[in-house]
């Protein structure tokens, strides 16, 4: 798929406002493998959370911060540059942020879900 052919739209409401999504393969909300890209504005943060399936993340552009734990703490995280990769196992508590406008590619097993460690961080219930 050529980059210009990707159909970007607003990310699902389980992510904080401002992110965009393009589904490249599969259906992240159904059983089976999926591949998607997320585009984050500079300064974007995803509070500590986990998923019921593994999440494999590759940085396509920008600088993507990731960390492990129950609270977003940039000091405890790592910045991944373009080409960086991280695997988050199912159930693993982690957080993320974008230093600059950033695009990441995520693939894994569907259905994709997200559970925030602190329920107050869930944008759906805010």
C-alpha atoms as a PDB file:
ATOM      1  CA  UNK A   1       0.000   0.000   0.000  1.00  0.00           C
ATOM      2  CA  UNK A   2       1.429   3.378  -0.971  1.00  0.00           C
ATOM      3  CA  UNK A   3       1.557   5.904   1.885  1.00  0.00           C
ATOM      4  CA  UNK A   4      -0.787   8.226  -0.004  1.00  0.00           C
ATOM      5  CA  UNK A   5      -3.401   5.461  -0.251  1.00  0.00           C
ATOM      6  CA  UNK A   6      -3.747   5.079   3.518  1.00  0.00           C
ATOM      7  CA  UNK A   7      -7.113   6.202   4.835  1.00  0.00           C
ATOM      8  CA  UNK A   8      -6.558   8.179   8.057  1.00  0.00           C
ATOM      9  CA  UNK A   9      -9.370   8.866  10.487  1.00  0.00           C
ATOM     10  CA  UNK A  10      -9.802   9.720  14.138  1.00  0.00           C
ATOM     11  CA  UNK A  11      -8.534   7.006  16.470  1.00  0.00           C
ATOM     12  CA  UNK A  12     -11.142   5.173  18.580  1.00  0.00           C
ATOM     13  CA  UNK A  13     -12.337   7.006  21.716  1.00  0.00           C
ATOM     14  CA  UNK A  14     -10.407   4.567  23.952  1.00  0.00           C
ATOM     15  CA  UNK A  15      -7.330   6.639  23.048  1.00  0.00           C
ATOM     16  CA  UNK A  16      -6.920  10.242  24.188  1.00  0.00           C
ATOM     17  CA  UNK A  17      -8.185  12.777  21.606  1.00  0.00           C
ATOM     18  CA  UNK A  18      -5.816  13.885  18.867  1.00  0.00           C
ATOM     19  CA  UNK A  19      -4.564  10.550  17.507  1.00  0.00           C
ATOM     20  CA  UNK A  20      -5.282   9.380  13.959  1.00  0.00           C
ATOM     21  CA  UNK A  21      -5.530   5.764  12.755  1.00  0.00           C
ATOM     22  CA  UNK A  22      -5.091   3.945   9.443  1.00  0.00           C
ATOM     23  CA  UNK A  23      -5.896   0.217   9.319  1.00  0.00           C
ATOM     24  CA  UNK A  24      -3.556  -1.508   6.863  1.00  0.00           C
ATOM     25  CA  UNK A  25      -4.626  -5.132   7.249  1.00  0.00           C
ATOM     26  CA  UNK A  26      -7.242  -7.129   9.098  1.00  0.00           C
ATOM     27  CA  UNK A  27      -9.745  -5.741  11.569  1.00  0.00           C
ATOM     28  CA  UNK A  28      -8.355  -4.720  14.963  1.00  0.00           C
ATOM     29  CA  UNK A  29     -11.791  -5.205  16.529  1.00  0.00           C
ATOM     30  CA  UNK A  30     -12.182  -8.825  15.352  1.00  0.00           C
ATOM     31  CA  UNK A  31     -10.377 -12.131  15.928  1.00  0.00           C
ATOM     32  CA  UNK A  32      -7.239 -12.510  13.836  1.00  0.00           C
ATOM     33  CA  UNK A  33      -4.099 -10.568  13.070  1.00  0.00           C
ATOM     34  CA  UNK A  34      -4.209  -6.858  12.291  1.00  0.00           C
ATOM     35  CA  UNK A  35      -1.766  -4.142  11.215  1.00  0.00           C
ATOM     36  CA  UNK A  36      -2.489  -0.474  11.821  1.00  0.00           C
ATOM     37  CA  UNK A  37      -0.715   2.845  12.043  1.00  0.00           C
ATOM     38  CA  UNK A  38      -1.303   5.506  14.648  1.00  0.00           C
ATOM     39  CA  UNK A  39      -0.297   9.131  14.151  1.00  0.00           C
ATOM     40  CA  UNK A  40       0.246  11.225  17.281  1.00  0.00           C
ATOM     41  CA  UNK A  41       0.763  14.985  17.572  1.00  0.00           C
ATOM     42  CA  UNK A  42       3.834  16.243  19.434  1.00  0.00           C
ATOM     43  CA  UNK A  43       3.364  15.946  23.200  1.00  0.00           C
ATOM     44  CA  UNK A  44       0.672  13.238  22.953  1.00  0.00           C
ATOM     45  CA  UNK A  45       0.498  10.828  25.902  1.00  0.00           C
ATOM     46  CA  UNK A  46      -1.137   7.455  26.494  1.00  0.00           C
ATOM     47  CA  UNK A  47      -1.369   6.840  30.266  1.00  0.00           C
ATOM     48  CA  UNK A  48      -0.371   3.511  31.803  1.00  0.00           C
ATOM     49  CA  UNK A  49      -2.423   0.631  30.424  1.00  0.00           C
ATOM     50  CA  UNK A  50      -2.319  -2.951  29.182  1.00  0.00           C
ATOM     51  CA  UNK A  51      -3.834  -5.102  26.436  1.00  0.00           C
ATOM     52  CA  UNK A  52      -5.220  -8.646  26.459  1.00  0.00           C
ATOM     53  CA  UNK A  53      -3.069  -9.468  23.412  1.00  0.00           C
ATOM     54  CA  UNK A  54       0.550  -8.738  22.540  1.00  0.00           C
ATOM     55  CA  UNK A  55       1.336  -5.414  20.881  1.00  0.00           C
ATOM     56  CA  UNK A  56       4.285  -5.174  18.462  1.00  0.00           C
ATOM     57  CA  UNK A  57       5.248  -1.569  17.714  1.00  0.00           C
ATOM     58  CA  UNK A  58       7.601  -0.136  15.072  1.00  0.00           C
ATOM     59  CA  UNK A  59       8.374   3.584  14.834  1.00  0.00           C
ATOM     60  CA  UNK A  60       7.736   4.807  11.276  1.00  0.00           C
ATOM     61  CA  UNK A  61       8.450   8.511  11.876  1.00  0.00           C
ATOM     62  CA  UNK A  62       9.162  10.813  14.791  1.00  0.00           C
ATOM     63  CA  UNK A  63      10.346   9.922  18.285  1.00  0.00           C
ATOM     64  CA  UNK A  64       8.193   7.550  20.347  1.00  0.00           C
ATOM     65  CA  UNK A  65       8.611   7.203  24.092  1.00  0.00           C
ATOM     66  CA  UNK A  66       7.678   3.990  25.891  1.00  0.00           C
ATOM     67  CA  UNK A  67       7.989   2.881  29.474  1.00  0.00           C
ATOM     68  CA  UNK A  68       6.969   0.075  31.788  1.00  0.00           C
ATOM     69  CA  UNK A  69       4.923   0.500  34.937  1.00  0.00           C
ATOM     70  CA  UNK A  70       1.679   1.684  36.464  1.00  0.00           C
ATOM     71  CA  UNK A  71       2.133   5.444  35.968  1.00  0.00           C
ATOM     72  CA  UNK A  72       3.326   7.525  33.026  1.00  0.00           C
ATOM     73  CA  UNK A  73       6.833   8.687  33.940  1.00  0.00           C
ATOM     74  CA  UNK A  74       8.964   9.904  31.030  1.00  0.00           C
ATOM     75  CA  UNK A  75      12.120   9.675  33.159  1.00  0.00           C
ATOM     76  CA  UNK A  76      11.589   5.908  33.458  1.00  0.00           C
ATOM     77  CA  UNK A  77      10.924   5.466  29.732  1.00  0.00           C
ATOM     78  CA  UNK A  78      12.982   5.130  26.577  1.00  0.00           C
ATOM     79  CA  UNK A  79      12.810   7.158  23.370  1.00  0.00           C
ATOM     80  CA  UNK A  80      12.659   5.010  20.236  1.00  0.00           C
ATOM     81  CA  UNK A  81      13.769   6.727  17.003  1.00  0.00           C
ATOM     82  CA  UNK A  82      12.630   5.898  13.474  1.00  0.00           C
ATOM     83  CA  UNK A  83      13.045   2.154  12.949  1.00  0.00           C
ATOM     84  CA  UNK A  84      12.846   1.425  16.687  1.00  0.00           C
ATOM     85  CA  UNK A  85      10.818  -1.595  17.794  1.00  0.00           C
ATOM     86  CA  UNK A  86       9.271  -2.785  21.035  1.00  0.00           C
ATOM     87  CA  UNK A  87       7.082  -5.755  21.953  1.00  0.00           C
ATOM     88  CA  UNK A  88       4.582  -5.374  24.779  1.00  0.00           C
ATOM     89  CA  UNK A  89       3.412  -8.806  25.967  1.00  0.00           C
ATOM     90  CA  UNK A  90      -0.244  -9.391  26.793  1.00  0.00           C
ATOM     91  CA  UNK A  91      -1.099  -8.002  30.219  1.00  0.00           C
ATOM     92  CA  UNK A  92       2.120  -5.950  30.483  1.00  0.00           C
ATOM     93  CA  UNK A  93       1.635  -2.528  32.111  1.00  0.00           C
ATOM     94  CA  UNK A  94       3.144   0.231  29.965  1.00  0.00           C
ATOM     95  CA  UNK A  95       2.729   3.833  28.833  1.00  0.00           C
ATOM     96  CA  UNK A  96       3.704   5.859  25.779  1.00  0.00           C
ATOM     97  CA  UNK A  97       4.180   9.384  24.473  1.00  0.00           C
ATOM     98  CA  UNK A  98       5.217  11.239  21.322  1.00  0.00           C
ATOM     99  CA  UNK A  99       8.103  13.688  21.593  1.00  0.00           C
ATOM    100  CA  UNK A 100       7.391  15.029  18.090  1.00  0.00           C
ATOM    101  CA  UNK A 101       4.659  14.259  15.572  1.00  0.00           C
ATOM    102  CA  UNK A 102       5.049  10.489  15.405  1.00  0.00           C
ATOM    103  CA  UNK A 103       3.694   7.565  13.402  1.00  0.00           C
ATOM    104  CA  UNK A 104       3.921   4.033  14.769  1.00  0.00           C
ATOM    105  CA  UNK A 105       2.892   0.758  13.181  1.00  0.00           C
ATOM    106  CA  UNK A 106       1.233  -1.743  15.491  1.00  0.00           C
ATOM    107  CA  UNK A 107       0.466  -5.342  14.732  1.00  0.00           C
ATOM    108  CA  UNK A 108      -0.894  -8.081  16.875  1.00  0.00           C
ATOM    109  CA  UNK A 109      -3.859 -10.330  17.525  1.00  0.00           C
ATOM    110  CA  UNK A 110      -7.372  -8.934  17.572  1.00  0.00           C
ATOM    111  CA  UNK A 111      -9.587  -7.971  19.040  1.00  0.00           C
ATOM    112  CA  UNK A 112      -7.475  -5.006  20.180  1.00  0.00           C
ATOM    113  CA  UNK A 113      -8.412  -3.635  23.583  1.00  0.00           C
ATOM    114  CA  UNK A 114      -6.944  -1.256  26.123  1.00  0.00           C
ATOM    115  CA  UNK A 115      -7.413  -1.236  29.899  1.00  0.00           C
ATOM    116  CA  UNK A 116      -6.101   1.792  31.784  1.00  0.00           C
ATOM    117  CA  UNK A 117      -4.403   1.111  35.119  1.00  0.00           C
ATOM    118  CA  UNK A 118      -6.159   4.144  36.614  1.00  0.00           C
ATOM    119  CA  UNK A 119      -9.782   4.073  35.418  1.00  0.00           C
ATOM    120  CA  UNK A 120      -9.816   7.892  35.625  1.00  0.00           C
ATOM    121  CA  UNK A 121      -7.382   7.923  32.662  1.00  0.00           C
ATOM    122  CA  UNK A 122      -9.903   6.230  30.352  1.00  0.00           C
ATOM    123  CA  UNK A 123     -11.037   8.918  27.872  1.00  0.00           C
ATOM    124  CA  UNK A 124     -14.331   7.088  27.313  1.00  0.00           C
ATOM    125  CA  UNK A 125     -15.399   7.769  30.911  1.00  0.00           C
ATOM    126  CA  UNK A 126     -14.011  11.299  31.216  1.00  0.00           C
END
